[in-house]
PDB file of N, CA and C in Angstrom:
ATOM      1  N   MET A   1     -14.389  -5.218 -20.688  1.00  0.00           N
ATOM      2  CA  MET A   1     -13.575  -4.792 -19.715  1.00  0.00           C
ATOM      3  C   MET A   1     -12.087  -4.708 -19.930  1.00  0.00           C
ATOM      4  N   TYR A   2     -11.336  -3.812 -19.473  1.00  0.00           N
ATOM      5  CA  TYR A   2      -9.822  -3.958 -19.525  1.00  0.00           C
ATOM      6  C   TYR A   2      -9.202  -4.754 -18.497  1.00  0.00           C
ATOM      7  N   TYR A   3      -9.769  -4.860 -17.252  1.00  0.00           N
ATOM      8  CA  TYR A   3      -9.111  -5.910 -16.447  1.00  0.00           C
ATOM      9  C   TYR A   3     -10.081  -6.884 -16.141  1.00  0.00           C
ATOM     10  N   GLU A   4      -9.812  -8.196 -16.024  1.00  0.00           N
ATOM     11  CA  GLU A   4     -10.557  -9.371 -15.870  1.00  0.00           C
ATOM     12  C   GLU A   4     -11.139  -9.713 -14.266  1.00  0.00           C
ATOM     13  N   ILE A   5     -12.037 -10.080 -14.079  1.00  0.00           N
ATOM     14  CA  ILE A   5     -12.574 -10.462 -12.697  1.00  0.00           C
ATOM     15  C   ILE A   5     -11.599 -11.748 -12.342  1.00  0.00           C
ATOM     16  N   GLY A   6     -11.103 -11.367 -11.126  1.00  0.00           N
ATOM     17  CA  GLY A   6     -10.071 -12.387 -10.650  1.00  0.00           C
ATOM     18  C   GLY A   6      -8.524 -11.897 -10.933  1.00  0.00           C
ATOM     19  N   GLU A   7      -8.477 -11.204 -11.980  1.00  0.00           N
ATOM     20  CA  GLU A   7      -7.065 -10.549 -12.161  1.00  0.00           C
ATOM     21  C   GLU A   7      -6.274  -9.788 -11.057  1.00  0.00           C
ATOM     22  N   ILE A   8      -5.076 -10.259 -10.884  1.00  0.00           N
ATOM     23  CA  ILE A   8      -4.314  -9.347  -9.666  1.00  0.00           C
ATOM     24  C   ILE A   8      -3.508  -8.298 -10.452  1.00  0.00           C
ATOM     25  N   ILE A   9      -3.708  -7.202  -9.869  1.00  0.00           N
ATOM     26  CA  ILE A   9      -2.816  -6.167 -10.500  1.00  0.00           C
ATOM     27  C   ILE A   9      -1.579  -5.803  -9.325  1.00  0.00           C
ATOM     28  N   ARG A  10      -0.206  -5.808  -9.578  1.00  0.00           N
ATOM     29  CA  ARG A  10       0.836  -5.550  -8.727  1.00  0.00           C
ATOM     30  C   ARG A  10       1.475  -4.072  -9.145  1.00  0.00           C
ATOM     31  N   LYS A  11       1.709  -3.463  -7.884  1.00  0.00           N
ATOM     32  CA  LYS A  11       2.564  -2.308  -8.356  1.00  0.00           C
ATOM     33  C   LYS A  11       3.286  -2.141  -7.063  1.00  0.00           C
ATOM     34  N   ASN A  12       4.567  -1.625  -7.285  1.00  0.00           N
ATOM     35  CA  ASN A  12       5.343  -1.270  -6.098  1.00  0.00           C
ATOM     36  C   ASN A  12       5.332   0.289  -5.611  1.00  0.00           C
ATOM     37  N   ILE A  13       5.297   0.516  -4.569  1.00  0.00           N
ATOM     38  CA  ILE A  13       4.879   2.068  -4.111  1.00  0.00           C
ATOM     39  C   ILE A  13       6.075   2.546  -3.240  1.00  0.00           C
ATOM     40  N   HIS A  14       6.276   3.788  -3.468  1.00  0.00           N
ATOM     41  CA  HIS A  14       7.466   4.294  -2.473  1.00  0.00           C
ATOM     42  C   HIS A  14       6.939   5.475  -1.620  1.00  0.00           C
ATOM     43  N   VAL A  15       7.060   5.439  -0.353  1.00  0.00           N
ATOM     44  CA  VAL A  15       6.653   6.191   0.555  1.00  0.00           C
ATOM     45  C   VAL A  15       7.676   6.612   1.605  1.00  0.00           C
ATOM     46  N   ASN A  16       7.885   7.837   1.584  1.00  0.00           N
ATOM     47  CA  ASN A  16       9.056   8.251   2.578  1.00  0.00           C
ATOM     48  C   ASN A  16      10.224   7.602   2.563  1.00  0.00           C
ATOM     49  N   GLY A  17      10.636   7.028   1.266  1.00  0.00           N
ATOM     50  CA  GLY A  17      11.901   6.392   1.063  1.00  0.00           C
ATOM     51  C   GLY A  17      11.750   5.069   1.399  1.00  0.00           C
ATOM     52  N   PHE A  18      10.599   4.590   1.659  1.00  0.00           N
ATOM     53  CA  PHE A  18      10.611   2.931   1.931  1.00  0.00           C
ATOM     54  C   PHE A  18       9.687   2.469   0.866  1.00  0.00           C
ATOM     55  N   ASP A  19       9.841   1.293   0.383  1.00  0.00           N
ATOM     56  CA  ASP A  19       9.236   0.322  -0.627  1.00  0.00           C
ATOM     57  C   ASP A  19       8.059  -0.534  -0.025  1.00  0.00           C
ATOM     58  N   PHE A  20       7.017  -0.441  -0.803  1.00  0.00           N
ATOM     59  CA  PHE A  20       5.785  -1.323  -0.262  1.00  0.00           C
ATOM     60  C   PHE A  20       5.221  -1.931  -1.478  1.00  0.00           C
ATOM     61  N   LYS A  21       4.525  -2.873  -1.571  1.00  0.00           N
ATOM     62  CA  LYS A  21       4.177  -3.727  -2.549  1.00  0.00           C
ATOM     63  C   LYS A  21       2.341  -3.258  -2.543  1.00  0.00           C
ATOM     64  N   LEU A  22       1.834  -3.178  -3.719  1.00  0.00           N
ATOM     65  CA  LEU A  22       0.385  -2.809  -3.580  1.00  0.00           C
ATOM     66  C   LEU A  22      -0.401  -4.130  -4.464  1.00  0.00           C
ATOM     67  N   PHE A  23      -1.291  -4.756  -4.046  1.00  0.00           N
ATOM     68  CA  PHE A  23      -1.900  -5.628  -4.817  1.00  0.00           C
ATOM     69  C   PHE A  23      -3.377  -5.454  -4.831  1.00  0.00           C
ATOM     70  N   ILE A  24      -3.779  -5.510  -6.205  1.00  0.00           N
ATOM     71  CA  ILE A  24      -5.403  -5.133  -6.512  1.00  0.00           C
ATOM     72  C   ILE A  24      -5.990  -6.282  -7.190  1.00  0.00           C
ATOM     73  N   LEU A  25      -6.891  -6.767  -6.541  1.00  0.00           N
ATOM     74  CA  LEU A  25      -7.771  -7.912  -7.028  1.00  0.00           C
ATOM     75  C   LEU A  25      -8.951  -7.363  -7.494  1.00  0.00           C
ATOM     76  N   LYS A  26      -9.588  -7.793  -8.907  1.00  0.00           N
ATOM     77  CA  LYS A  26     -10.790  -7.188  -9.239  1.00  0.00           C
ATOM     78  C   LYS A  26     -11.895  -8.300  -9.131  1.00  0.00           C
ATOM     79  N   GLY A  27     -12.957  -7.895  -8.234  1.00  0.00           N
ATOM     80  CA  GLY A  27     -13.800  -8.729  -8.203  1.00  0.00           C
ATOM     81  C   GLY A  27     -15.082  -8.546  -8.847  1.00  0.00           C
ATOM     82  N   HIS A  28     -16.342  -9.099  -8.493  1.00  0.00           N
ATOM     83  CA  HIS A  28     -17.332  -9.071  -9.149  1.00  0.00           C
ATOM     84  C   HIS A  28     -18.246  -7.744  -9.115  1.00  0.00           C
ATOM     85  N   ILE A  29     -17.906  -7.316  -7.566  1.00  0.00           N
ATOM     86  CA  ILE A  29     -18.645  -5.999  -7.712  1.00  0.00           C
ATOM     87  C   ILE A  29     -17.700  -4.838  -7.043  1.00  0.00           C
ATOM     88  N   GLY A  30     -16.625  -5.217  -6.492  1.00  0.00           N
ATOM     89  CA  GLY A  30     -15.493  -4.160  -6.177  1.00  0.00           C
ATOM     90  C   GLY A  30     -14.258  -4.742  -6.321  1.00  0.00           C
ATOM     91  N   ILE A  31     -13.291  -4.077  -5.866  1.00  0.00           N
ATOM     92  CA  ILE A  31     -11.865  -4.267  -5.782  1.00  0.00           C
ATOM     93  C   ILE A  31     -11.151  -4.700  -4.373  1.00  0.00           C
ATOM     94  N   SER A  32     -10.464  -5.683  -4.290  1.00  0.00           N
ATOM     95  CA  SER A  32      -9.949  -5.817  -2.893  1.00  0.00           C
ATOM     96  C   SER A  32      -8.482  -5.478  -3.001  1.00  0.00           C
ATOM     97  N   ILE A  33      -8.098  -4.317  -2.172  1.00  0.00           N
ATOM     98  CA  ILE A  33      -6.576  -3.894  -2.067  1.00  0.00           C
ATOM     99  C   ILE A  33      -5.831  -4.060  -0.863  1.00  0.00           C
ATOM    100  N   GLN A  34      -4.607  -4.494  -1.228  1.00  0.00           N
ATOM    101  CA  GLN A  34      -3.618  -4.859  -0.010  1.00  0.00           C
ATOM    102  C   GLN A  34      -2.317  -4.368  -0.227  1.00  0.00           C
ATOM    103  N   VAL A  35      -1.922  -3.834   1.003  1.00  0.00           N
ATOM    104  CA  VAL A  35      -0.424  -3.303   0.811  1.00  0.00           C
ATOM    105  C   VAL A  35       0.262  -4.239   1.872  1.00  0.00           C
ATOM    106  N   LYS A  36       1.497  -4.417   1.400  1.00  0.00           N
ATOM    107  CA  LYS A  36       2.363  -5.470   2.000  1.00  0.00           C
ATOM    108  C   LYS A  36       3.664  -4.831   1.956  1.00  0.00           C
ATOM    109  N   ASP A  37       4.694  -5.355   3.007  1.00  0.00           N
ATOM    110  CA  ASP A  37       5.973  -4.637   3.241  1.00  0.00           C
ATOM    111  C   ASP A  37       6.785  -5.545   2.085  1.00  0.00           C
ATOM    112  N   MET A  38       8.153  -5.260   2.015  1.00  0.00           N
ATOM    113  CA  MET A  38       8.806  -5.986   0.802  1.00  0.00           C
ATOM    114  C   MET A  38       9.162  -7.192   1.113  1.00  0.00           C
ATOM    115  N   ASN A  39       8.938  -7.651   2.286  1.00  0.00           N
ATOM    116  CA  ASN A  39       8.803  -9.211   2.911  1.00  0.00           C
ATOM    117  C   ASN A  39       7.509  -9.917   2.594  1.00  0.00           C
ATOM    118  N   ASN A  40       6.629  -9.298   1.881  1.00  0.00           N
ATOM    119  CA  ASN A  40       5.296  -9.604   1.607  1.00  0.00           C
ATOM    120  C   ASN A  40       4.311 -10.075   3.032  1.00  0.00           C
ATOM    121  N   VAL A  41       4.684  -9.229   3.885  1.00  0.00           N
ATOM    122  CA  VAL A  41       4.098  -9.401   5.051  1.00  0.00           C
ATOM    123  C   VAL A  41       2.914  -8.350   5.094  1.00  0.00           C
ATOM    124  N   PRO A  42       1.600  -8.671   5.013  1.00  0.00           N
ATOM    125  CA  PRO A  42       0.353  -7.762   4.857  1.00  0.00           C
ATOM    126  C   PRO A  42       0.437  -6.661   5.974  1.00  0.00           C
ATOM    127  N   ILE A  43       0.177  -5.529   5.546  1.00  0.00           N
ATOM    128  CA  ILE A  43       0.105  -4.218   6.400  1.00  0.00           C
ATOM    129  C   ILE A  43      -1.452  -3.827   6.597  1.00  0.00           C
ATOM    130  N   LYS A  44      -1.879  -3.797   5.646  1.00  0.00           N
ATOM    131  CA  LYS A  44      -3.555  -3.330   5.631  1.00  0.00           C
ATOM    132  C   LYS A  44      -4.375  -3.836   4.383  1.00  0.00           C
ATOM    133  N   HIS A  45      -5.694  -4.207   4.282  1.00  0.00           N
ATOM    134  CA  HIS A  45      -6.277  -4.791   3.272  1.00  0.00           C
ATOM    135  C   HIS A  45      -7.796  -3.867   3.254  1.00  0.00           C
ATOM    136  N   ALA A  46      -8.428  -3.448   2.322  1.00  0.00           N
ATOM    137  CA  ALA A  46      -9.773  -3.137   2.379  1.00  0.00           C
ATOM    138  C   ALA A  46     -10.373  -3.666   0.937  1.00  0.00           C
ATOM    139  N   TYR A  47     -11.554  -3.606   0.979  1.00  0.00           N
ATOM    140  CA  TYR A  47     -12.507  -4.026  -0.271  1.00  0.00           C
ATOM    141  C   TYR A  47     -13.279  -2.514  -0.541  1.00  0.00           C
ATOM    142  N   VAL A  48     -13.191  -2.210  -1.820  1.00  0.00           N
ATOM    143  CA  VAL A  48     -13.579  -0.999  -2.172  1.00  0.00           C
ATOM    144  C   VAL A  48     -14.722  -1.281  -3.396  1.00  0.00           C
ATOM    145  N   VAL A  49     -15.753  -0.416  -3.344  1.00  0.00           N
ATOM    146  CA  VAL A  49     -16.748  -0.391  -4.359  1.00  0.00           C
ATOM    147  C   VAL A  49     -17.190   0.893  -5.065  1.00  0.00           C
ATOM    148  N   ASP A  50     -16.662   1.833  -4.360  1.00  0.00           N
ATOM    149  CA  ASP A  50     -16.917   2.980  -5.365  1.00  0.00           C
ATOM    150  C   ASP A  50     -15.634   4.176  -4.877  1.00  0.00           C
ATOM    151  N   GLU A  51     -15.888   5.298  -5.284  1.00  0.00           N
ATOM    152  CA  GLU A  51     -14.796   6.247  -5.154  1.00  0.00           C
ATOM    153  C   GLU A  51     -14.738   6.651  -3.505  1.00  0.00           C
ATOM    154  N   ASN A  52     -15.841   6.869  -2.941  1.00  0.00           N
ATOM    155  CA  ASN A  52     -16.025   7.374  -1.688  1.00  0.00           C
ATOM    156  C   ASN A  52     -15.259   6.072  -0.575  1.00  0.00           C
ATOM    157  N   ASP A  53     -15.388   4.587  -1.129  1.00  0.00           N
ATOM    158  CA  ASP A  53     -14.689   3.822  -0.267  1.00  0.00           C
ATOM    159  C   ASP A  53     -13.138   3.753  -0.485  1.00  0.00           C
ATOM    160  N   LEU A  54     -12.666   4.112  -1.956  1.00  0.00           N
ATOM    161  CA  LEU A  54     -11.383   4.625  -2.193  1.00  0.00           C
ATOM    162  C   LEU A  54     -10.813   5.540  -1.404  1.00  0.00           C
ATOM    163  N   ASP A  55     -11.347   6.659  -1.407  1.00  0.00           N
ATOM    164  CA  ASP A  55     -11.102   7.591  -0.459  1.00  0.00           C
ATOM    165  C   ASP A  55     -10.584   7.289   1.020  1.00  0.00           C
ATOM    166  N   MET A  56     -11.635   6.762   1.700  1.00  0.00           N
ATOM    167  CA  MET A  56     -11.399   6.318   2.932  1.00  0.00           C
ATOM    168  C   MET A  56     -10.365   5.242   3.019  1.00  0.00           C
ATOM    169  N   ALA A  57     -10.113   4.437   1.973  1.00  0.00           N
ATOM    170  CA  ALA A  57      -9.066   3.196   2.102  1.00  0.00           C
ATOM    171  C   ALA A  57      -7.924   3.811   1.928  1.00  0.00           C
ATOM    172  N   SER A  58      -7.687   4.907   1.123  1.00  0.00           N
ATOM    173  CA  SER A  58      -6.572   5.530   0.836  1.00  0.00           C
ATOM    174  C   SER A  58      -6.224   6.130   2.411  1.00  0.00           C
ATOM    175  N   ASP A  59      -6.909   6.845   2.857  1.00  0.00           N
ATOM    176  CA  ASP A  59      -6.445   7.406   4.233  1.00  0.00           C
ATOM    177  C   ASP A  59      -6.130   6.338   5.056  1.00  0.00           C
ATOM    178  N   LEU A  60      -6.863   5.008   5.336  1.00  0.00           N
ATOM    179  CA  LEU A  60      -6.489   3.950   6.272  1.00  0.00           C
ATOM    180  C   LEU A  60      -5.085   3.517   5.734  1.00  0.00           C
ATOM    181  N   PHE A  61      -4.871   3.132   4.599  1.00  0.00           N
ATOM    182  CA  PHE A  61      -3.682   2.799   3.975  1.00  0.00           C
ATOM    183  C   PHE A  61      -2.373   3.772   4.359  1.00  0.00           C
ATOM    184  N   ASN A  62      -2.493   5.116   4.033  1.00  0.00           N
ATOM    185  CA  ASN A  62      -1.560   5.987   4.601  1.00  0.00           C
ATOM    186  C   ASN A  62      -1.315   5.769   6.037  1.00  0.00           C
ATOM    187  N   GLN A  63      -2.235   5.958   6.724  1.00  0.00           N
ATOM    188  CA  GLN A  63      -2.247   5.730   8.160  1.00  0.00           C
ATOM    189  C   GLN A  63      -1.536   4.486   8.702  1.00  0.00           C
ATOM    190  N   ALA A  64      -1.667   3.418   7.898  1.00  0.00           N
ATOM    191  CA  ALA A  64      -1.297   2.087   8.302  1.00  0.00           C
ATOM    192  C   ALA A  64       0.448   1.847   7.835  1.00  0.00           C
ATOM    193  N   ILE A  65       0.603   2.582   6.774  1.00  0.00           N
ATOM    194  CA  ILE A  65       1.935   2.729   6.289  1.00  0.00           C
ATOM    195  C   ILE A  65       2.932   3.628   7.166  1.00  0.00           C
ATOM    196  N   ASP A  66       2.173   4.819   7.641  1.00  0.00           N
ATOM    197  CA  ASP A  66       3.117   5.631   8.570  1.00  0.00           C
ATOM    198  C   ASP A  66       3.344   4.918   9.925  1.00  0.00           C
ATOM    199  N   GLU A  67       2.351   3.983  10.219  1.00  0.00           N
ATOM    200  CA  GLU A  67       2.651   3.386  11.413  1.00  0.00           C
ATOM    201  C   GLU A  67       3.647   2.121  11.417  1.00  0.00           C
ATOM    202  N   TRP A  68       3.567   1.541  10.283  1.00  0.00           N
ATOM    203  CA  TRP A  68       4.780   0.478   9.848  1.00  0.00           C
ATOM    204  C   TRP A  68       6.027   1.006   9.867  1.00  0.00           C
ATOM    205  N   ILE A  69       6.095   2.371   9.235  1.00  0.00           N
ATOM    206  CA  ILE A  69       7.469   2.975   9.213  1.00  0.00           C
ATOM    207  C   ILE A  69       7.775   3.364  10.650  1.00  0.00           C
ATOM    208  N   GLU A  70       6.905   3.790  11.477  1.00  0.00           N
ATOM    209  CA  GLU A  70       7.283   4.265  12.949  1.00  0.00           C
ATOM    210  C   GLU A  70       7.920   2.989  13.572  1.00  0.00           C
ATOM    211  N   GLU A  71       7.222   1.764  13.414  1.00  0.00           N
ATOM    212  CA  GLU A  71       7.267   0.583  14.099  1.00  0.00           C
ATOM    213  C   GLU A  71       8.408   0.028  13.868  1.00  0.00           C
ATOM    214  N   ASN A  72       8.986  -0.144  12.452  1.00  0.00           N
ATOM    215  CA  ASN A  72       9.666  -0.815  11.888  1.00  0.00           C
ATOM    216  C   ASN A  72      11.102  -0.402  11.390  1.00  0.00           C
ATOM    217  N   THR A  73      11.437   1.059  11.789  1.00  0.00           N
ATOM    218  CA  THR A  73      12.388   1.596  11.646  1.00  0.00           C
ATOM    219  C   THR A  73      13.040   2.480  12.325  1.00  0.00           C
ATOM    220  N   ASP A  74      14.226   2.849  12.377  1.00  0.00           N
ATOM    221  CA  ASP A  74      14.698   3.751  13.486  1.00  0.00           C
ATOM    222  C   ASP A  74      15.348   4.890  12.874  1.00  0.00           C
ATOM    223  N   GLU A  75      15.864   5.874  13.656  1.00  0.00           N
ATOM    224  CA  GLU A  75      16.236   7.144  13.364  1.00  0.00           C
ATOM    225  C   GLU A  75      17.238   7.145  12.096  1.00  0.00           C
ATOM    226  N   GLN A  76      18.133   6.046  12.280  1.00  0.00           N
ATOM    227  CA  GLN A  76      19.269   6.003  11.407  1.00  0.00           C
ATOM    228  C   GLN A  76      18.638   5.622   9.887  1.00  0.00           C
ATOM    229  N   ASP A  77      17.658   4.616   9.938  1.00  0.00           N
ATOM    230  CA  ASP A  77      16.943   4.401   8.564  1.00  0.00           C
ATOM    231  C   ASP A  77      16.161   5.481   7.975  1.00  0.00           C
ATOM    232  N   ARG A  78      15.550   6.302   8.847  1.00  0.00           N
ATOM    233  CA  ARG A  78      15.028   7.528   8.440  1.00  0.00           C
ATOM    234  C   ARG A  78      15.837   8.585   7.939  1.00  0.00           C
ATOM    235  N   LEU A  79      16.939   8.597   8.490  1.00  0.00           N
ATOM    236  CA  LEU A  79      18.312   9.599   8.071  1.00  0.00           C
ATOM    237  C   LEU A  79      18.628   9.149   6.427  1.00  0.00           C
ATOM    238  N   ILE A  80      19.168   8.070   6.798  1.00  0.00           N
ATOM    239  CA  ILE A  80      19.593   7.283   5.419  1.00  0.00           C
ATOM    240  C   ILE A  80      18.687   7.695   4.130  1.00  0.00           C
ATOM    241  N   ASN A  81      17.105   7.520   4.462  1.00  0.00           N
ATOM    242  CA  ASN A  81      16.226   7.766   3.089  1.00  0.00           C
ATOM    243  C   ASN A  81      16.292   9.257   2.902  1.00  0.00           C
ATOM    244  N   LEU A  82      16.386   9.757   3.946  1.00  0.00           N
ATOM    245  CA  LEU A  82      16.386  11.477   3.744  1.00  0.00           C
ATOM    246  C   LEU A  82      17.652  11.866   2.700  1.00  0.00           C
ATOM    247  N   VAL A  83      18.765  11.098   3.207  1.00  0.00           N
ATOM    248  CA  VAL A  83      20.167  11.665   2.253  1.00  0.00           C
ATOM    249  C   VAL A  83      19.905  10.937   1.007  1.00  0.00           C
ATOM    250  N   MET A  84      19.307   9.720   0.826  1.00  0.00           N
ATOM    251  CA  MET A  84      18.867   8.986  -0.535  1.00  0.00           C
ATOM    252  C   MET A  84      18.177  10.009  -1.632  1.00  0.00           C
ATOM    253  N   LYS A  85      17.442  11.131  -0.853  1.00  0.00           N
ATOM    254  CA  LYS A  85      16.845  12.027  -1.604  1.00  0.00           C
ATOM    255  C   LYS A  85      17.442  12.996  -2.358  1.00  0.00           C
ATOM    256  N   TRP A  86      18.797  13.140  -1.649  1.00  0.00           N
ATOM    257  CA  TRP A  86      19.762  14.299  -2.584  1.00  0.00           C
ATOM    258  C   TRP A  86      19.675  14.223  -3.940  1.00  0.00           C
TER     259      TRP A  86
END
């Protein structure tokens, strides 16, 4: 297999101008996925064993990230991120 059991894969993701960290841990049966903010505070976690689970987890992660952005930013933060897209 390409990834070893117990291996953690890390990736930074960018959503609506805000950065987050994605951690994926390969288990014996599935994968554990966790999204954290840039201060390593967990936002959402899911255990996935197939593509159907992954689709549901993706929706949950997107919703949790949107909620985090709403709760942890103000209008000026959102405006700055829009300007940064120029």
